[in-house]
Amino acid sequence: MNPIQLGRKRLSEIVWAIIDEKVDDYPCEELGEIVSTQQSLRIRAEYNTGSVPYDDAVDLYKIVKFFQPSNIAEVGTFIGVSTRTMQLAAPHAHIFTCDVSNDINLGLVQVTQYPKKPSHEMFEDLAKQEEKVDLIYLDGRLSEKDIPHLTNVIHNETVFVLDDFEGTEKGVANAMVLEGGNSVLIYPRGGNKTAIVIPMTLLHLVRQEAV
């Protein structure tokens, strides 16, 4: 008997279609303003690097809006485009965010910043506080120091969102660390660079989809 084989590419198309269907509207003007206005903070950056473009901000908004996490951890605060995007999508969530190179104060409520701190120190602190995070946005490369602490702050339904998923960039490297037998990688769509690692516990085969 031939099995039905569902690969990453086709599954990715299905997942994005479901996200688009369930989040069929988004605040395009507010997202555009976030992407634009946060650029003024670059002059305060010690390490001036890339930021989230508008199309990927839309994808990030839709992902967070769809999954509705209560606690979010972010690696790579920089000028706060992704931080504000996630807060817009989940206004009641608490966001923990670190940046190893910069110390730009975003001044946002329900956001705990770890300026000039590497990700493993943030994860270690969250583990000490017995915090569990529902979604982790990675705009930085995971290291061996992260894994022991990261394991202590995630649960079996934690979703990872990966920035810069292309070529040999950090998003691809992070996917190689995170994807395993209990999770599946969802490719970015179109020319965008936002990928998702979804735990199998959040993929349900149902007889009829809920409306």
Protein backbone atom coordinates (compact mmCIF):
# COMPACT_ATOMS: atom_id res chain seq x y z
CA MET A 1 0.00 0.00 0.00
CA ASN A 2 1.29 3.45 -0.90
CA PRO A 3 1.28 5.95 1.99
CA ILE A 4 0.09 9.52 1.70
CA GLN A 5 3.28 11.56 1.94
CA LEU A 6 3.08 15.15 3.10
CA GLY A 7 6.38 17.00 2.85
CA ARG A 8 7.48 20.31 4.35
CA LYS A 9 6.74 22.31 1.20
CA ARG A 10 3.11 21.24 0.87
CA LEU A 11 2.52 21.33 4.61
CA SER A 12 3.95 24.85 4.71
CA GLU A 13 1.48 25.98 2.05
CA ILE A 14 -1.39 24.46 4.06
CA VAL A 15 -0.29 26.07 7.33
CA TRP A 16 0.06 29.54 5.80
CA ALA A 17 -3.35 29.16 4.13
CA ILE A 18 -4.92 28.30 7.50
CA ILE A 19 -3.20 31.24 9.21
CA ASP A 20 -4.41 33.59 6.45
CA GLU A 21 -7.93 32.22 6.74
CA LYS A 22 -8.11 32.60 10.51
CA VAL A 23 -6.34 35.99 10.54
CA ASP A 24 -7.99 37.45 7.48
CA ASP A 25 -7.50 41.07 8.51
CA TYR A 26 -4.51 42.93 9.88
CA PRO A 27 -3.73 46.56 10.76
CA CYS A 28 -1.65 47.39 7.70
CA GLU A 29 -1.35 51.11 8.53
CA GLU A 30 -0.25 50.47 12.13
CA LEU A 31 2.30 47.88 11.03
CA GLY A 32 3.63 50.25 8.40
CA GLU A 33 3.95 52.97 11.02
CA ILE A 34 5.82 50.61 13.38
CA VAL A 35 8.30 49.61 10.67
CA SER A 36 8.80 53.28 9.73
CA THR A 37 8.87 55.09 13.07
CA GLN A 38 11.16 52.63 14.86
CA GLN A 39 13.92 53.43 12.35
CA SER A 40 14.57 56.69 14.24
CA LEU A 41 16.05 54.61 17.08
CA ARG A 42 18.96 53.48 14.91
CA ILE A 43 20.99 56.51 15.97
CA ARG A 44 21.00 55.08 19.51
CA ALA A 45 22.30 51.69 18.40
CA GLU A 46 25.88 50.72 19.11
CA TYR A 47 25.55 47.93 16.57
CA ASN A 48 23.41 49.04 13.64
CA THR A 49 22.07 46.05 11.77
CA GLY A 50 19.08 44.91 9.73
CA SER A 51 15.48 45.09 10.90
CA VAL A 52 12.21 43.35 10.07
CA PRO A 53 10.78 44.50 6.71
CA TYR A 54 7.08 45.19 6.33
CA ASP A 55 6.09 41.89 4.66
CA ASP A 56 7.79 39.84 7.38
CA ALA A 57 6.22 42.07 10.05
CA VAL A 58 2.83 41.15 8.57
CA ASP A 59 3.71 37.44 8.73
CA LEU A 60 4.94 37.80 12.32
CA TYR A 61 1.75 39.64 13.29
CA LYS A 62 -0.41 36.91 11.75
CA ILE A 63 1.54 34.11 13.45
CA VAL A 64 1.28 35.70 16.89
CA LYS A 65 -2.38 36.64 16.35
CA PHE A 66 -3.15 33.07 15.32
CA PHE A 67 -1.42 31.27 18.21
CA GLN A 68 -2.24 33.93 20.88
CA PRO A 69 0.68 33.25 23.27
CA SER A 70 0.56 34.55 26.84
CA ASN A 71 4.34 34.69 27.29
CA ILE A 72 6.77 35.53 24.48
CA ALA A 73 10.57 35.49 24.46
CA GLU A 74 12.51 37.37 21.79
CA VAL A 75 16.18 37.15 20.90
CA GLY A 76 17.29 40.34 19.15
CA THR A 77 15.42 43.44 20.33
CA PHE A 78 17.37 46.00 18.26
CA ILE A 79 15.00 48.92 17.46
CA GLY A 80 11.86 47.09 18.50
CA VAL A 81 10.01 46.53 15.21
CA SER A 82 9.33 42.86 15.97
CA THR A 83 8.67 43.60 19.65
CA ARG A 84 5.98 46.16 18.87
CA THR A 85 4.54 43.97 16.11
CA MET A 86 4.09 41.06 18.52
CA GLN A 87 2.62 43.33 21.18
CA LEU A 88 0.11 44.64 18.64
CA ALA A 89 -0.91 41.07 17.80
CA ALA A 90 -1.11 39.88 21.43
CA PRO A 91 -1.63 42.98 23.63
CA HIS A 92 -2.15 40.94 26.81
CA ALA A 93 1.04 38.90 26.41
CA HIS A 94 4.20 39.55 28.39
CA ILE A 95 7.28 39.86 26.19
CA PHE A 96 10.83 39.14 27.39
CA THR A 97 13.41 40.42 24.93
CA CYS A 98 17.21 40.57 24.88
CA ASP A 99 19.88 42.14 22.70
CA VAL A 100 23.53 41.23 23.10
CA SER A 101 24.81 44.39 21.36
CA ASN A 102 22.40 47.23 22.15
CA ASP A 103 20.62 48.79 25.10
CA ILE A 104 17.83 50.79 23.43
CA ASN A 105 15.00 51.31 25.91
CA LEU A 106 11.70 50.80 24.08
CA GLY A 107 9.60 52.04 27.01
CA LEU A 108 6.80 49.52 26.39
CA VAL A 109 4.48 48.17 29.08
CA GLN A 110 4.40 44.40 29.62
CA VAL A 111 7.83 44.18 27.99
CA THR A 112 10.86 43.13 30.04
CA GLN A 113 14.11 44.02 28.29
CA TYR A 114 17.52 42.43 28.79
CA PRO A 115 19.84 45.07 27.28
CA LYS A 116 23.40 44.08 26.49
CA LYS A 117 22.56 40.52 27.53
CA PRO A 118 23.12 37.35 25.48
CA SER A 119 20.16 35.04 25.00
CA HIS A 120 21.46 32.32 27.30
CA GLU A 121 21.47 34.79 30.21
CA MET A 122 17.87 35.76 29.50
CA PHE A 123 16.79 32.11 29.25
CA GLU A 124 18.68 31.33 32.46
CA ASP A 125 16.90 34.18 34.26
CA LEU A 126 13.50 33.05 32.96
CA ALA A 127 14.23 29.51 34.12
CA LYS A 128 15.12 30.78 37.59
CA GLN A 129 11.79 32.65 37.67
CA GLU A 130 10.07 29.42 36.52
CA GLU A 131 8.62 31.24 33.53
CA LYS A 132 7.30 29.19 30.63
CA VAL A 133 7.06 30.77 27.20
CA ASP A 134 4.51 29.93 24.52
CA LEU A 135 6.31 31.52 21.57
CA ILE A 136 9.95 32.35 20.94
CA TYR A 137 10.98 34.75 18.19
CA LEU A 138 14.60 34.26 17.14
CA ASP A 139 16.40 37.10 15.41
CA GLY A 140 19.72 35.79 16.66
CA ARG A 141 21.69 32.59 16.35
CA LEU A 142 21.25 29.99 19.10
CA SER A 143 24.43 28.74 20.76
CA GLU A 144 25.30 25.69 22.83
CA LYS A 145 24.98 27.86 25.95
CA ASP A 146 21.32 28.50 25.16
CA ILE A 147 20.08 24.91 24.98
CA PRO A 148 20.17 23.84 28.68
CA HIS A 149 18.32 26.97 29.78
CA LEU A 150 16.02 27.04 26.76
CA THR A 151 14.85 23.53 27.57
CA ASN A 152 13.69 24.75 30.97
CA VAL A 153 11.51 27.60 29.67
CA ILE A 154 9.61 25.88 26.85
CA HIS A 155 6.76 23.36 26.97
CA ASN A 156 5.33 20.84 24.53
CA GLU A 157 3.30 23.50 22.68
CA THR A 158 5.96 26.23 22.39
CA VAL A 159 6.15 27.68 18.88
CA PHE A 160 9.41 29.04 17.45
CA VAL A 161 9.42 31.81 14.85
CA LEU A 162 12.64 32.17 12.88
CA ASP A 163 13.83 35.35 11.19
CA ASP A 164 16.29 35.35 8.26
CA PHE A 165 15.46 31.88 6.98
CA GLU A 166 17.45 31.82 3.76
CA GLY A 167 20.73 30.38 2.51
CA THR A 168 23.16 29.94 5.39
CA GLU A 169 21.66 32.70 7.54
CA LYS A 170 20.86 32.29 11.25
CA GLY A 171 17.27 31.25 10.64
CA VAL A 172 18.39 28.12 8.79
CA ALA A 173 21.00 27.34 11.46
CA ASN A 174 18.36 27.70 14.19
CA ALA A 175 15.96 25.43 12.32
CA MET A 176 18.60 22.70 12.22
CA VAL A 177 18.89 22.93 16.01
CA LEU A 178 15.17 23.05 16.74
CA GLU A 179 13.41 20.77 14.27
CA GLY A 180 13.13 17.18 15.42
CA GLY A 181 10.78 14.24 15.73
CA ASN A 182 8.33 16.24 17.82
CA SER A 183 8.20 19.35 15.64
CA VAL A 184 7.97 20.35 12.00
CA LEU A 185 9.52 23.23 10.04
CA ILE A 186 7.19 25.51 8.11
CA TYR A 187 9.00 27.31 5.29
CA PRO A 188 8.64 31.06 4.67
CA ARG A 189 6.21 32.02 1.97
CA GLY A 190 6.95 33.90 -1.22
CA GLY A 191 10.09 35.99 -0.95
CA ASN A 192 9.74 36.45 2.80
CA LYS A 193 12.18 35.20 5.44
CA THR A 194 9.95 34.20 8.37
CA ALA A 195 9.79 30.47 9.14
CA ILE A 196 8.00 28.61 11.93
CA VAL A 197 8.83 25.49 13.93
CA ILE A 198 5.55 24.03 15.14
CA PRO A 199 5.33 21.21 17.70
CA MET A 200 3.39 18.17 16.52
CA THR A 201 1.03 18.65 19.49
CA LEU A 202 -0.41 21.70 17.66
CA LEU A 203 -1.05 19.85 14.39
CA HIS A 204 -4.42 18.14 14.62
CA LEU A 205 -5.96 15.92 11.95
CA VAL A 206 -9.69 16.51 12.29
CA ARG A 207 -12.75 15.23 10.44
CA GLN A 208 -14.12 18.72 10.02
CA GLU A 209 -12.45 22.06 10.63
CA ALA A 210 -13.92 24.39 13.21
CA VAL A 211 -15.32 27.59 11.76
